[in-house]
């Protein structure tokens, strides 16, 4: 399944939306329903992902969210996808 279809499927199934940008960037706009866990705090906040399914990570360009996905996967959290740009994730959320 390609990433776009996977992101849409996860959102339809009630995704856990995580914006990994800084709090200042998050405050400037994010996907509807997202929480902010900045990349630099991710390893300290692994408990926030416990029991979560359909984890969609995103940021400004997709770079930080790709790294965040690798951090989660290394820590045994595998139901993840890099949603890329926050505006894209927001558009999908609002369409479904």
PDB file of N, CA and C in Angstrom:
ATOM      1  N   UNK A   1       0.858  -1.182   0.000  1.00  0.00           N
ATOM      2  CA  UNK A   1       0.000   0.000   0.000  1.00  0.00           C
ATOM      3  C   UNK A   1       0.898   1.236   0.000  1.00  0.00           C
ATOM      4  N   UNK A   2       0.587   2.185  -0.859  1.00  0.00           N
ATOM      5  CA  UNK A   2       1.416   3.392  -0.890  1.00  0.00           C
ATOM      6  C   UNK A   2       1.133   4.260   0.336  1.00  0.00           C
ATOM      7  N   UNK A   3       2.035   5.165   0.609  1.00  0.00           N
ATOM      8  CA  UNK A   3       1.969   5.972   1.834  1.00  0.00           C
ATOM      9  C   UNK A   3       0.685   6.791   1.892  1.00  0.00           C
ATOM     10  N   UNK A   4       0.291   7.401   0.784  1.00  0.00           N
ATOM     11  CA  UNK A   4      -0.928   8.225   0.797  1.00  0.00           C
ATOM     12  C   UNK A   4      -2.143   7.405   1.202  1.00  0.00           C
ATOM     13  N   UNK A   5      -2.278   6.214   0.637  1.00  0.00           N
ATOM     14  CA  UNK A   5      -3.412   5.357   0.974  1.00  0.00           C
ATOM     15  C   UNK A   5      -3.327   4.895   2.427  1.00  0.00           C
ATOM     16  N   UNK A   6      -2.107   4.617   2.892  1.00  0.00           N
ATOM     17  CA  UNK A   6      -1.921   4.189   4.274  1.00  0.00           C
ATOM     18  C   UNK A   6      -2.296   5.308   5.244  1.00  0.00           C
ATOM     19  N   UNK A   7      -1.876   6.539   4.954  1.00  0.00           N
ATOM     20  CA  UNK A   7      -2.226   7.680   5.803  1.00  0.00           C
ATOM     21  C   UNK A   7      -3.745   7.833   5.853  1.00  0.00           C
ATOM     22  N   UNK A   8      -4.385   7.805   4.707  1.00  0.00           N
ATOM     23  CA  UNK A   8      -5.835   7.959   4.659  1.00  0.00           C
ATOM     24  C   UNK A   8      -6.536   6.843   5.430  1.00  0.00           C
ATOM     25  N   UNK A   9      -6.092   5.606   5.256  1.00  0.00           N
ATOM     26  CA  UNK A   9      -6.687   4.465   5.961  1.00  0.00           C
ATOM     27  C   UNK A   9      -6.546   4.637   7.472  1.00  0.00           C
ATOM     28  N   UNK A  10      -5.355   5.010   7.918  1.00  0.00           N
ATOM     29  CA  UNK A  10      -5.131   5.176   9.356  1.00  0.00           C
ATOM     30  C   UNK A  10      -6.001   6.293   9.924  1.00  0.00           C
ATOM     31  N   UNK A  11      -6.139   7.375   9.186  1.00  0.00           N
ATOM     32  CA  UNK A  11      -6.968   8.486   9.659  1.00  0.00           C
ATOM     33  C   UNK A  11      -8.431   8.044   9.737  1.00  0.00           C
ATOM     34  N   UNK A  12      -8.891   7.318   8.742  1.00  0.00           N
ATOM     35  CA  UNK A  12     -10.271   6.799   8.773  1.00  0.00           C
ATOM     36  C   UNK A  12     -10.502   5.891   9.977  1.00  0.00           C
ATOM     37  N   UNK A  13      -9.452   5.205  10.410  1.00  0.00           N
ATOM     38  CA  UNK A  13      -9.551   4.270  11.531  1.00  0.00           C
ATOM     39  C   UNK A  13      -9.250   4.941  12.872  1.00  0.00           C
ATOM     40  N   UNK A  14      -9.210   6.271  12.887  1.00  0.00           N
ATOM     41  CA  UNK A  14      -9.009   6.990  14.148  1.00  0.00           C
ATOM     42  C   UNK A  14      -7.560   7.141  14.544  1.00  0.00           C
ATOM     43  N   UNK A  15      -6.746   7.633  13.648  1.00  0.00           N
ATOM     44  CA  UNK A  15      -5.307   7.763  13.870  1.00  0.00           C
ATOM     45  C   UNK A  15      -4.960   8.611  15.088  1.00  0.00           C
ATOM     46  N   UNK A  16      -3.810   8.290  15.662  1.00  0.00           N
ATOM     47  CA  UNK A  16      -3.169   9.092  16.699  1.00  0.00           C
ATOM     48  C   UNK A  16      -2.226  10.019  15.947  1.00  0.00           C
ATOM     49  N   UNK A  17      -2.600  11.284  15.838  1.00  0.00           N
ATOM     50  CA  UNK A  17      -1.874  12.258  15.022  1.00  0.00           C
ATOM     51  C   UNK A  17      -0.838  12.984  15.867  1.00  0.00           C
ATOM     52  N   UNK A  18       0.418  12.896  15.449  1.00  0.00           N
ATOM     53  CA  UNK A  18       1.512  13.475  16.230  1.00  0.00           C
ATOM     54  C   UNK A  18       2.342  14.405  15.356  1.00  0.00           C
ATOM     55  N   UNK A  19       2.331  15.667  15.726  1.00  0.00           N
ATOM     56  CA  UNK A  19       3.138  16.705  15.082  1.00  0.00           C
ATOM     57  C   UNK A  19       4.452  16.771  15.851  1.00  0.00           C
ATOM     58  N   UNK A  20       5.566  16.481  15.175  1.00  0.00           N
ATOM     59  CA  UNK A  20       6.856  16.429  15.861  1.00  0.00           C
ATOM     60  C   UNK A  20       7.659  17.725  15.732  1.00  0.00           C
ATOM     61  N   UNK A  21       7.012  18.795  15.274  1.00  0.00           N
ATOM     62  CA  UNK A  21       7.684  20.100  15.180  1.00  0.00           C
ATOM     63  C   UNK A  21       7.788  20.729  16.571  1.00  0.00           C
ATOM     64  N   UNK A  22       8.434  21.869  16.637  1.00  0.00           N
ATOM     65  CA  UNK A  22       8.584  22.589  17.904  1.00  0.00           C
ATOM     66  C   UNK A  22       7.228  23.128  18.360  1.00  0.00           C
ATOM     67  N   UNK A  23       7.080  23.418  19.661  1.00  0.00           N
ATOM     68  CA  UNK A  23       5.828  24.004  20.137  1.00  0.00           C
ATOM     69  C   UNK A  23       5.477  25.308  19.416  1.00  0.00           C
ATOM     70  N   UNK A  24       6.478  26.122  19.089  1.00  0.00           N
ATOM     71  CA  UNK A  24       6.214  27.381  18.389  1.00  0.00           C
ATOM     72  C   UNK A  24       5.636  27.101  16.997  1.00  0.00           C
ATOM     73  N   UNK A  25       6.211  26.138  16.287  1.00  0.00           N
ATOM     74  CA  UNK A  25       5.681  25.779  14.966  1.00  0.00           C
ATOM     75  C   UNK A  25       4.266  25.211  15.091  1.00  0.00           C
ATOM     76  N   UNK A  26       4.067  24.362  16.078  1.00  0.00           N
ATOM     77  CA  UNK A  26       2.754  23.748  16.318  1.00  0.00           C
ATOM     78  C   UNK A  26       1.697  24.823  16.539  1.00  0.00           C
ATOM     79  N   UNK A  27       2.047  25.844  17.323  1.00  0.00           N
ATOM     80  CA  UNK A  27       1.107  26.933  17.620  1.00  0.00           C
ATOM     81  C   UNK A  27       0.730  27.740  16.385  1.00  0.00           C
ATOM     82  N   UNK A  28       1.559  27.694  15.359  1.00  0.00           N
ATOM     83  CA  UNK A  28       1.275  28.432  14.122  1.00  0.00           C
ATOM     84  C   UNK A  28       0.276  27.711  13.222  1.00  0.00           C
ATOM     85  N   UNK A  29      -0.020  26.444  13.543  1.00  0.00           N
ATOM     86  CA  UNK A  29      -0.974  25.664  12.764  1.00  0.00           C
ATOM     87  C   UNK A  29      -0.566  24.214  12.716  1.00  0.00           C
ATOM     88  N   UNK A  30      -1.559  23.333  12.761  1.00  0.00           N
ATOM     89  CA  UNK A  30      -1.292  21.899  12.718  1.00  0.00           C
ATOM     90  C   UNK A  30      -2.524  21.189  12.188  1.00  0.00           C
ATOM     91  N   UNK A  31      -2.434  19.896  12.063  1.00  0.00           N
ATOM     92  CA  UNK A  31      -3.578  19.107  11.609  1.00  0.00           C
ATOM     93  C   UNK A  31      -4.622  19.041  12.719  1.00  0.00           C
ATOM     94  N   UNK A  32      -5.861  19.128  12.329  1.00  0.00           N
ATOM     95  CA  UNK A  32      -6.975  19.066  13.285  1.00  0.00           C
ATOM     96  C   UNK A  32      -6.881  17.770  14.099  1.00  0.00           C
ATOM     97  N   UNK A  33      -6.914  17.924  15.428  1.00  0.00           N
ATOM     98  CA  UNK A  33      -6.894  16.772  16.319  1.00  0.00           C
ATOM     99  C   UNK A  33      -5.510  16.265  16.696  1.00  0.00           C
ATOM    100  N   UNK A  34      -4.464  16.932  16.219  1.00  0.00           N
ATOM    101  CA  UNK A  34      -3.101  16.469  16.491  1.00  0.00           C
ATOM    102  C   UNK A  34      -2.615  16.902  17.863  1.00  0.00           C
ATOM    103  N   UNK A  35      -1.675  16.116  18.391  1.00  0.00           N
ATOM    104  CA  UNK A  35      -0.957  16.530  19.593  1.00  0.00           C
ATOM    105  C   UNK A  35       0.478  16.858  19.193  1.00  0.00           C
ATOM    106  N   UNK A  36       1.155  17.595  20.040  1.00  0.00           N
ATOM    107  CA  UNK A  36       2.527  18.004  19.768  1.00  0.00           C
ATOM    108  C   UNK A  36       3.477  17.246  20.676  1.00  0.00           C
ATOM    109  N   UNK A  37       4.337  16.451  20.064  1.00  0.00           N
ATOM    110  CA  UNK A  37       5.448  15.826  20.770  1.00  0.00           C
ATOM    111  C   UNK A  37       6.692  16.163  19.947  1.00  0.00           C
ATOM    112  N   UNK A  38       7.388  17.225  20.336  1.00  0.00           N
ATOM    113  CA  UNK A  38       8.564  17.638  19.566  1.00  0.00           C
ATOM    114  C   UNK A  38       9.580  16.504  19.440  1.00  0.00           C
ATOM    115  N   UNK A  39      10.221  16.433  18.299  1.00  0.00           N
ATOM    116  CA  UNK A  39      11.186  15.372  18.029  1.00  0.00           C
ATOM    117  C   UNK A  39      12.196  15.219  19.157  1.00  0.00           C
ATOM    118  N   UNK A  40      12.693  16.341  19.672  1.00  0.00           N
ATOM    119  CA  UNK A  40      13.722  16.249  20.718  1.00  0.00           C
ATOM    120  C   UNK A  40      13.192  15.661  22.030  1.00  0.00           C
ATOM    121  N   UNK A  41      11.863  15.608  22.208  1.00  0.00           N
ATOM    122  CA  UNK A  41      11.255  15.041  23.420  1.00  0.00           C
ATOM    123  C   UNK A  41      10.762  13.610  23.217  1.00  0.00           C
ATOM    124  N   UNK A  42      10.836  13.121  22.004  1.00  0.00           N
ATOM    125  CA  UNK A  42      10.189  11.868  21.642  1.00  0.00           C
ATOM    126  C   UNK A  42      10.621  10.689  22.516  1.00  0.00           C
ATOM    127  N   UNK A  43      11.910  10.497  22.672  1.00  0.00           N
ATOM    128  CA  UNK A  43      12.373   9.335  23.449  1.00  0.00           C
ATOM    129  C   UNK A  43      11.948   9.422  24.906  1.00  0.00           C
ATOM    130  N   UNK A  44      11.807  10.619  25.444  1.00  0.00           N
ATOM    131  CA  UNK A  44      11.355  10.779  26.826  1.00  0.00           C
ATOM    132  C   UNK A  44       9.851  10.587  26.965  1.00  0.00           C
ATOM    133  N   UNK A  45       9.145  10.554  25.842  1.00  0.00           N
ATOM    134  CA  UNK A  45       7.680  10.474  25.885  1.00  0.00           C
ATOM    135  C   UNK A  45       7.139   9.211  25.214  1.00  0.00           C
ATOM    136  N   UNK A  46       7.929   8.170  25.180  1.00  0.00           N
ATOM    137  CA  UNK A  46       7.488   6.926  24.550  1.00  0.00           C
ATOM    138  C   UNK A  46       6.220   6.379  25.195  1.00  0.00           C
ATOM    139  N   UNK A  47       6.035   6.637  26.486  1.00  0.00           N
ATOM    140  CA  UNK A  47       4.832   6.160  27.181  1.00  0.00           C
ATOM    141  C   UNK A  47       3.559   6.739  26.565  1.00  0.00           C
ATOM    142  N   UNK A  48       3.659   7.911  25.937  1.00  0.00           N
ATOM    143  CA  UNK A  48       2.488   8.521  25.289  1.00  0.00           C
ATOM    144  C   UNK A  48       1.968   7.673  24.138  1.00  0.00           C
ATOM    145  N   UNK A  49       2.802   6.779  23.630  1.00  0.00           N
ATOM    146  CA  UNK A  49       2.424   5.954  22.488  1.00  0.00           C
ATOM    147  C   UNK A  49       1.910   4.573  22.903  1.00  0.00           C
ATOM    148  N   UNK A  50       2.004   4.274  24.193  1.00  0.00           N
ATOM    149  CA  UNK A  50       1.603   2.961  24.685  1.00  0.00           C
ATOM    150  C   UNK A  50       0.136   2.683  24.361  1.00  0.00           C
ATOM    151  N   UNK A  51      -0.109   1.573  23.713  1.00  0.00           N
ATOM    152  CA  UNK A  51      -1.467   1.170  23.371  1.00  0.00           C
ATOM    153  C   UNK A  51      -2.082   1.903  22.183  1.00  0.00           C
ATOM    154  N   UNK A  52      -1.337   2.797  21.565  1.00  0.00           N
ATOM    155  CA  UNK A  52      -1.861   3.572  20.432  1.00  0.00           C
ATOM    156  C   UNK A  52      -1.713   2.775  19.141  1.00  0.00           C
ATOM    157  N   UNK A  53      -2.682   2.946  18.267  1.00  0.00           N
ATOM    158  CA  UNK A  53      -2.645   2.318  16.952  1.00  0.00           C
ATOM    159  C   UNK A  53      -2.750   3.419  15.902  1.00  0.00           C
ATOM    160  N   UNK A  54      -2.365   3.091  14.682  1.00  0.00           N
ATOM    161  CA  UNK A  54      -2.506   4.034  13.575  1.00  0.00           C
ATOM    162  C   UNK A  54      -1.850   5.382  13.897  1.00  0.00           C
ATOM    163  N   UNK A  55      -0.569   5.349  14.188  1.00  0.00           N
ATOM    164  CA  UNK A  55       0.177   6.554  14.550  1.00  0.00           C
ATOM    165  C   UNK A  55       0.663   7.242  13.276  1.00  0.00           C
ATOM    166  N   UNK A  56       0.180   8.460  13.052  1.00  0.00           N
ATOM    167  CA  UNK A  56       0.589   9.250  11.895  1.00  0.00           C
ATOM    168  C   UNK A  56       1.467  10.392  12.403  1.00  0.00           C
ATOM    169  N   UNK A  57       2.710  10.389  11.966  1.00  0.00           N
ATOM    170  CA  UNK A  57       3.690  11.404  12.356  1.00  0.00           C
ATOM    171  C   UNK A  57       3.853  12.400  11.220  1.00  0.00           C
ATOM    172  N   UNK A  58       4.043  13.657  11.556  1.00  0.00           N
ATOM    173  CA  UNK A  58       4.235  14.662  10.507  1.00  0.00           C
ATOM    174  C   UNK A  58       4.965  15.869  11.061  1.00  0.00           C
ATOM    175  N   UNK A  59       5.413  16.728  10.136  1.00  0.00           N
ATOM    176  CA  UNK A  59       6.185  17.917  10.512  1.00  0.00           C
ATOM    177  C   UNK A  59       6.055  18.959   9.404  1.00  0.00           C
ATOM    178  N   UNK A  60       7.102  19.712   9.165  1.00  0.00           N
ATOM    179  CA  UNK A  60       7.065  20.749   8.127  1.00  0.00           C
ATOM    180  C   UNK A  60       7.372  20.189   6.743  1.00  0.00           C
ATOM    181  N   UNK A  61       8.336  19.269   6.669  1.00  0.00           N
ATOM    182  CA  UNK A  61       8.745  18.765   5.346  1.00  0.00           C
ATOM    183  C   UNK A  61       8.730  17.249   5.224  1.00  0.00           C
ATOM    184  N   UNK A  62       8.611  16.550   6.336  1.00  0.00           N
ATOM    185  CA  UNK A  62       8.654  15.092   6.328  1.00  0.00           C
ATOM    186  C   UNK A  62       9.955  14.515   6.855  1.00  0.00           C
ATOM    187  N   UNK A  63      10.971  15.357   7.016  1.00  0.00           N
ATOM    188  CA  UNK A  63      12.266  14.891   7.502  1.00  0.00           C
ATOM    189  C   UNK A  63      12.258  14.496   8.967  1.00  0.00           C
ATOM    190  N   UNK A  64      11.765  15.389   9.802  1.00  0.00           N
ATOM    191  CA  UNK A  64      11.727  15.090  11.242  1.00  0.00           C
ATOM    192  C   UNK A  64      10.785  13.939  11.537  1.00  0.00           C
ATOM    193  N   UNK A  65       9.659  13.883  10.806  1.00  0.00           N
ATOM    194  CA  UNK A  65       8.709  12.797  11.057  1.00  0.00           C
ATOM    195  C   UNK A  65       9.278  11.453  10.600  1.00  0.00           C
ATOM    196  N   UNK A  66      10.109  11.437   9.566  1.00  0.00           N
ATOM    197  CA  UNK A  66      10.776  10.194   9.149  1.00  0.00           C
ATOM    198  C   UNK A  66      11.724   9.722  10.249  1.00  0.00           C
ATOM    199  N   UNK A  67      12.468  10.659  10.816  1.00  0.00           N
ATOM    200  CA  UNK A  67      13.374  10.305  11.909  1.00  0.00           C
ATOM    201  C   UNK A  67      12.577   9.842  13.126  1.00  0.00           C
ATOM    202  N   UNK A  68      11.476  10.524  13.431  1.00  0.00           N
ATOM    203  CA  UNK A  68      10.629  10.141  14.567  1.00  0.00           C
ATOM    204  C   UNK A  68      10.093   8.726  14.386  1.00  0.00           C
ATOM    205  N   UNK A  69       9.694   8.385  13.164  1.00  0.00           N
ATOM    206  CA  UNK A  69       9.199   7.035  12.909  1.00  0.00           C
ATOM    207  C   UNK A  69      10.289   6.004  13.189  1.00  0.00           C
ATOM    208  N   UNK A  70      11.517   6.293  12.788  1.00  0.00           N
ATOM    209  CA  UNK A  70      12.605   5.343  13.041  1.00  0.00           C
ATOM    210  C   UNK A  70      12.866   5.190  14.540  1.00  0.00           C
ATOM    211  N   UNK A  71      12.757   6.274  15.301  1.00  0.00           N
ATOM    212  CA  UNK A  71      12.926   6.210  16.759  1.00  0.00           C
ATOM    213  C   UNK A  71      11.852   5.317  17.370  1.00  0.00           C
ATOM    214  N   UNK A  72      10.607   5.520  16.968  1.00  0.00           N
ATOM    215  CA  UNK A  72       9.520   4.704  17.507  1.00  0.00           C
ATOM    216  C   UNK A  72       9.700   3.236  17.129  1.00  0.00           C
ATOM    217  N   UNK A  73      10.033   2.980  15.880  1.00  0.00           N
ATOM    218  CA  UNK A  73      10.221   1.601  15.427  1.00  0.00           C
ATOM    219  C   UNK A  73      11.338   0.906  16.191  1.00  0.00           C
ATOM    220  N   UNK A  74      12.441   1.620  16.447  1.00  0.00           N
ATOM    221  CA  UNK A  74      13.545   1.049  17.235  1.00  0.00           C
ATOM    222  C   UNK A  74      13.109   0.703  18.648  1.00  0.00           C
ATOM    223  N   UNK A  75      12.075   1.374  19.131  1.00  0.00           N
ATOM    224  CA  UNK A  75      11.581   1.143  20.487  1.00  0.00           C
ATOM    225  C   UNK A  75      10.344   0.245  20.501  1.00  0.00           C
ATOM    226  N   UNK A  76      10.113  -0.476  19.413  1.00  0.00           N
ATOM    227  CA  UNK A  76       9.042  -1.463  19.369  1.00  0.00           C
ATOM    228  C   UNK A  76       7.661  -0.914  19.073  1.00  0.00           C
ATOM    229  N   UNK A  77       7.577   0.332  18.659  1.00  0.00           N
ATOM    230  CA  UNK A  77       6.297   0.948  18.300  1.00  0.00           C
ATOM    231  C   UNK A  77       6.256   0.984  16.785  1.00  0.00           C
ATOM    232  N   UNK A  78       5.460   0.076  16.203  1.00  0.00           N
ATOM    233  CA  UNK A  78       5.565  -0.149  14.767  1.00  0.00           C
ATOM    234  C   UNK A  78       4.333   0.198  13.950  1.00  0.00           C
ATOM    235  N   UNK A  79       3.221   0.502  14.582  1.00  0.00           N
ATOM    236  CA  UNK A  79       2.008   0.842  13.820  1.00  0.00           C
ATOM    237  C   UNK A  79       2.062   2.330  13.473  1.00  0.00           C
ATOM    238  N   UNK A  80       3.070   2.675  12.643  1.00  0.00           N
ATOM    239  CA  UNK A  80       3.374   4.078  12.362  1.00  0.00           C
ATOM    240  C   UNK A  80       3.462   4.324  10.862  1.00  0.00           C
ATOM    241  N   UNK A  81       3.269   5.588  10.494  1.00  0.00           N
ATOM    242  CA  UNK A  81       3.515   6.022   9.125  1.00  0.00           C
ATOM    243  C   UNK A  81       3.990   7.472   9.172  1.00  0.00           C
ATOM    244  N   UNK A  82       4.901   7.786   8.269  1.00  0.00           N
ATOM    245  CA  UNK A  82       5.350   9.160   8.126  1.00  0.00           C
ATOM    246  C   UNK A  82       4.358   9.859   7.199  1.00  0.00           C
ATOM    247  N   UNK A  83       3.525  10.726   7.776  1.00  0.00           N
ATOM    248  CA  UNK A  83       2.540  11.450   6.986  1.00  0.00           C
ATOM    249  C   UNK A  83       3.121  12.620   6.220  1.00  0.00           C
ATOM    250  N   UNK A  84       4.371  12.963   6.511  1.00  0.00           N
ATOM    251  CA  UNK A  84       5.036  14.042   5.782  1.00  0.00           C
ATOM    252  C   UNK A  84       4.657  15.421   6.284  1.00  0.00           C
ATOM    253  N   UNK A  85       4.160  16.245   5.389  1.00  0.00           N
ATOM    254  CA  UNK A  85       3.862  17.653   5.648  1.00  0.00           C
ATOM    255  C   UNK A  85       2.544  17.801   6.431  1.00  0.00           C
ATOM    256  N   UNK A  86       2.538  18.666   7.427  1.00  0.00           N
ATOM    257  CA  UNK A  86       1.353  18.788   8.277  1.00  0.00           C
ATOM    258  C   UNK A  86       0.124  19.223   7.495  1.00  0.00           C
ATOM    259  N   UNK A  87       0.294  20.073   6.500  1.00  0.00           N
ATOM    260  CA  UNK A  87      -0.861  20.553   5.734  1.00  0.00           C
ATOM    261  C   UNK A  87      -1.537  19.403   4.979  1.00  0.00           C
ATOM    262  N   UNK A  88      -0.742  18.455   4.510  1.00  0.00           N
ATOM    263  CA  UNK A  88      -1.294  17.282   3.823  1.00  0.00           C
ATOM    264  C   UNK A  88      -2.142  16.456   4.798  1.00  0.00           C
ATOM    265  N   UNK A  89      -1.603  16.186   5.971  1.00  0.00           N
ATOM    266  CA  UNK A  89      -2.339  15.408   6.973  1.00  0.00           C
ATOM    267  C   UNK A  89      -3.617  16.141   7.358  1.00  0.00           C
ATOM    268  N   UNK A  90      -3.542  17.442   7.559  1.00  0.00           N
ATOM    269  CA  UNK A  90      -4.723  18.234   7.903  1.00  0.00           C
ATOM    270  C   UNK A  90      -5.790  18.132   6.814  1.00  0.00           C
ATOM    271  N   UNK A  91      -5.382  18.194   5.565  1.00  0.00           N
ATOM    272  CA  UNK A  91      -6.347  18.091   4.459  1.00  0.00           C
ATOM    273  C   UNK A  91      -7.057  16.742   4.480  1.00  0.00           C
ATOM    274  N   UNK A  92      -6.317  15.663   4.697  1.00  0.00           N
ATOM    275  CA  UNK A  92      -6.915  14.324   4.746  1.00  0.00           C
ATOM    276  C   UNK A  92      -7.878  14.229   5.922  1.00  0.00           C
ATOM    277  N   UNK A  93      -7.471  14.728   7.092  1.00  0.00           N
ATOM    278  CA  UNK A  93      -8.342  14.699   8.277  1.00  0.00           C
ATOM    279  C   UNK A  93      -9.670  15.400   7.979  1.00  0.00           C
ATOM    280  N   UNK A  94      -9.608  16.529   7.333  1.00  0.00           N
ATOM    281  CA  UNK A  94     -10.812  17.306   7.063  1.00  0.00           C
ATOM    282  C   UNK A  94     -11.682  16.687   5.964  1.00  0.00           C
ATOM    283  N   UNK A  95     -11.091  15.847   5.118  1.00  0.00           N
ATOM    284  CA  UNK A  95     -11.841  15.192   4.030  1.00  0.00           C
ATOM    285  C   UNK A  95     -12.564  13.939   4.472  1.00  0.00           C
ATOM    286  N   UNK A  96     -12.034  13.247   5.488  1.00  0.00           N
ATOM    287  CA  UNK A  96     -12.646  11.979   5.894  1.00  0.00           C
ATOM    288  C   UNK A  96     -13.685  12.136   6.981  1.00  0.00           C
TER     289      UNK A  96
END
